[in-house]
Protein backbone atom coordinates (compact mmCIF):
# COMPACT_ATOMS: atom_id res chain seq x y z
CA ILE A 1 65.89 -46.58 -158.93
CA TYR A 2 63.19 -43.64 -157.55
CA TYR A 3 61.31 -44.51 -160.27
CA ILE A 4 62.05 -48.64 -160.78
CA LEU A 5 60.56 -48.86 -157.32
CA PRO A 6 57.34 -47.66 -157.22
CA ALA A 7 57.18 -49.27 -161.17
CA ALA A 8 57.94 -52.26 -159.45
CA PHE A 9 55.34 -51.97 -156.26
CA ILE A 10 52.20 -50.90 -158.77
CA THR A 11 52.93 -54.15 -161.06
CA ARG A 12 52.56 -56.49 -158.31
CA LEU A 13 49.48 -54.98 -157.57
CA PHE A 14 47.62 -56.58 -160.32
CA HIS A 15 45.48 -59.75 -159.64
CA ILE A 16 46.07 -58.58 -155.98
CA THR A 17 42.63 -58.60 -154.32
CA TYR A 18 41.97 -61.81 -156.41
CA PRO A 19 41.46 -64.78 -154.37
CA VAL A 20 43.86 -67.88 -154.17
CA SER A 21 44.00 -69.53 -157.34
CA GLY A 22 46.27 -70.23 -160.37
CA TRP A 23 49.63 -71.37 -160.51
CA HIS A 24 50.63 -73.35 -156.89
CA SER A 25 46.99 -72.01 -155.56
CA TRP A 26 47.41 -75.19 -153.78
CA ARG A 27 50.36 -74.08 -152.29
CA GLN A 28 49.02 -70.73 -151.68
CA SER A 29 46.12 -72.21 -150.06
CA ASP A 30 48.46 -73.87 -147.27
CA THR A 31 50.65 -70.72 -147.06
CA ALA A 32 47.31 -68.95 -145.51
CA SER A 33 45.33 -71.61 -143.81
CA ILE A 34 48.75 -71.99 -141.54
CA ALA A 35 48.90 -67.74 -141.33
CA ARG A 36 45.41 -68.29 -139.95
CA ASN A 37 46.10 -71.30 -137.97
CA PHE A 38 49.10 -69.22 -136.30
CA MET A 39 46.93 -65.92 -135.54
CA GLU A 40 43.95 -68.33 -133.88
CA SER A 41 46.14 -70.33 -132.09
CA GLY A 42 48.78 -67.89 -130.39
CA HIS A 43 51.04 -67.31 -132.89
CA ASN A 44 53.66 -70.27 -132.31
CA ILE A 45 56.15 -70.37 -135.04
CA LEU A 46 57.40 -73.99 -133.92
CA TYR A 47 53.77 -75.56 -134.70
CA PRO A 48 52.69 -74.75 -138.16
CA GLN A 49 49.28 -76.68 -138.73
CA ILE A 50 47.14 -76.95 -142.11
CA ASN A 51 43.47 -77.38 -142.54
CA TRP A 52 43.85 -80.84 -144.18
CA GLY A 53 45.45 -82.88 -141.21
CA GLY A 54 42.52 -85.12 -141.22
CA SER A 55 41.42 -85.90 -137.32
CA GLY A 56 45.03 -85.38 -136.39
CA THR A 57 46.49 -82.41 -134.93
CA GLY A 58 47.20 -80.57 -138.60
CA PHE A 59 51.24 -80.12 -137.98
CA VAL A 60 53.25 -80.05 -140.64
CA GLU A 61 56.67 -80.24 -141.33
CA SER A 62 57.87 -77.58 -143.57
CA GLU A 63 60.44 -74.86 -143.91
CA PHE A 64 60.84 -71.86 -141.12
CA GLN A 65 57.39 -70.59 -141.32
CA LEU A 66 58.66 -66.52 -140.68
CA TYR A 67 56.60 -65.49 -143.82
CA THR A 68 53.08 -67.12 -142.50
CA PHE A 69 54.44 -66.18 -139.08
CA LEU A 70 54.65 -62.23 -140.35
CA VAL A 71 51.52 -62.59 -141.98
CA SER A 72 49.80 -63.74 -138.77
CA LEU A 73 51.16 -60.57 -137.39
CA LEU A 74 49.24 -58.59 -139.97
CA TYR A 75 46.26 -60.65 -138.97
CA GLU A 76 45.35 -59.42 -136.12
CA ILE A 77 45.81 -55.73 -137.42
CA PHE A 78 43.77 -55.64 -140.83
CA GLY A 79 41.91 -59.18 -140.35
CA VAL A 80 42.29 -62.29 -142.48
CA GLN A 81 42.56 -61.60 -146.15
CA ASP A 82 44.36 -62.93 -148.97
CA ILE A 83 45.43 -59.28 -150.06
CA THR A 84 47.91 -58.72 -146.72
CA GLY A 85 49.60 -62.09 -147.97
CA ARG A 86 50.35 -60.65 -151.35
CA LEU A 87 50.92 -57.29 -150.06
CA LEU A 88 53.68 -58.43 -147.55
CA SER A 89 55.20 -60.83 -150.96
CA ALA A 90 54.90 -57.13 -152.97
CA VAL A 91 56.80 -55.77 -150.60
CA PHE A 92 59.41 -58.41 -150.14
CA SER A 93 59.97 -58.05 -153.86
CA VAL A 94 60.33 -54.72 -154.49
CA MET A 95 62.95 -54.72 -151.25
CA THR A 96 64.88 -57.53 -153.52
CA VAL A 97 64.73 -55.61 -156.40
CA TYR A 98 66.49 -52.46 -154.30
CA GLY A 99 68.69 -55.04 -153.32
CA ILE A 100 69.67 -55.99 -156.79
CA TYR A 101 70.14 -52.60 -157.33
CA LEU A 102 72.86 -52.46 -154.50
CA LEU A 103 74.65 -55.53 -155.00
CA VAL A 104 74.95 -54.76 -159.12
CA ARG A 105 76.14 -51.24 -158.62
CA LYS A 106 78.65 -52.01 -155.70
CA LEU A 107 80.15 -54.51 -158.29
CA MET A 108 79.83 -53.00 -161.79
CA ASP A 109 78.27 -48.97 -161.95
CA GLU A 110 76.00 -46.96 -161.56
CA ARG A 111 73.84 -47.36 -164.96
CA THR A 112 74.31 -51.65 -165.30
CA ALA A 113 72.88 -51.59 -161.51
CA LEU A 114 69.76 -49.66 -162.91
CA TRP A 115 68.97 -51.70 -165.96
CA SER A 116 69.45 -54.89 -163.48
CA ALA A 117 67.12 -53.77 -161.14
CA SER A 118 64.62 -52.68 -164.07
CA ILE A 119 64.69 -55.58 -165.94
CA TYR A 120 64.43 -57.56 -162.90
CA ALA A 121 61.68 -55.70 -161.71
CA ILE A 122 59.47 -56.41 -164.89
CA LEU A 123 59.52 -60.12 -165.44
CA PRO A 124 56.74 -61.65 -166.18
CA LEU A 125 57.40 -64.70 -163.23
CA ASN A 126 59.10 -62.61 -160.99
CA ILE A 127 56.19 -60.52 -160.77
CA PHE A 128 53.66 -63.52 -160.22
CA TYR A 129 55.97 -64.65 -157.34
CA GLY A 130 56.38 -61.32 -155.88
CA ARG A 131 52.74 -61.34 -155.42
CA ALA A 132 52.20 -64.62 -154.80
CA PHE A 133 50.45 -66.09 -150.80
CA MET A 134 54.03 -67.74 -150.67
CA PRO A 135 57.42 -67.17 -148.82
CA ASP A 136 59.11 -67.08 -152.02
CA ALA A 137 59.81 -63.67 -152.38
CA LEU A 138 60.99 -63.18 -148.80
CA MET A 139 63.52 -66.00 -149.44
CA LEU A 140 65.16 -64.22 -152.41
CA MET A 141 65.08 -60.66 -150.48
CA CYS A 142 67.60 -62.52 -148.12
CA SER A 143 69.32 -64.48 -150.40
CA VAL A 144 69.65 -61.20 -152.38
CA TYR A 145 70.85 -59.26 -149.05
CA ALA A 146 73.04 -61.95 -148.03
CA VAL A 147 75.20 -61.92 -150.81
CA TYR A 148 75.09 -57.79 -150.81
CA PHE A 149 76.18 -57.89 -146.92
CA PHE A 150 78.68 -60.63 -146.97
CA SER A 151 80.30 -58.62 -149.84
CA GLU A 152 80.37 -55.62 -147.57
CA TRP A 153 81.65 -57.93 -144.88
CA LEU A 154 84.90 -58.89 -147.51
CA ASP A 155 85.59 -55.32 -148.04
CA LYS A 156 85.52 -53.37 -145.13
CA ASN A 157 85.82 -56.23 -142.21
CA LYS A 158 83.18 -55.05 -140.01
CA ILE A 159 81.43 -57.87 -138.14
CA ASN A 160 78.25 -55.84 -138.14
CA TYR A 161 78.14 -56.74 -141.53
CA PHE A 162 79.26 -60.74 -141.04
CA VAL A 163 76.83 -60.94 -138.77
CA ILE A 164 73.70 -59.54 -140.93
CA ALA A 165 74.83 -61.47 -143.53
CA TRP A 166 74.77 -64.50 -141.82
CA LEU A 167 71.27 -63.65 -140.61
CA PHE A 168 69.85 -63.22 -144.17
CA THR A 169 71.68 -66.35 -145.46
CA SER A 170 69.96 -68.73 -142.11
CA ALA A 171 66.76 -66.70 -142.87
CA ALA A 172 67.13 -67.64 -147.22
CA ILE A 173 68.08 -71.07 -145.44
CA LEU A 174 65.54 -72.04 -143.45
CA LEU A 175 62.89 -70.03 -145.54
CA LYS A 176 63.08 -72.79 -148.41
CA LEU A 177 64.51 -75.90 -146.83
CA PRO A 178 61.59 -78.85 -146.82
């Protein structure tokens, strides 16, 4: 796994400095603008704003904006640049690779876990979405860890595993609710 994770991260660096374009460029642009607006408006996670709101306030109803909120905090440190959101997605994507490894190792064996993590790490669409300026990588990471920690709770019957599973499940659901 110690070779798979760095390799997964390196593959997600392909075109990492490119401006937002290509598939789902409209979604990536909206996500970037919401993050920038959070930074400029005081980081109020409950009031996401887009830039195409016309003469209105630009407030938008969308999924829970945890990802854009995290990006806005990073903007405060590193400045407003597309690479910030893309790198955050890449980190979440690599953490998902590790989560898949943990889950499959727990349910199957070490060899199957390594193969599963390796294959997931090199799937082309996973590489693309694993560096896209969108909350999808965070949602997938939360989903995988929700299943893993729920499984841990079932096996060990410790409340802390249940609470962690509940938090990851809640985050995964909130990140994809329209």
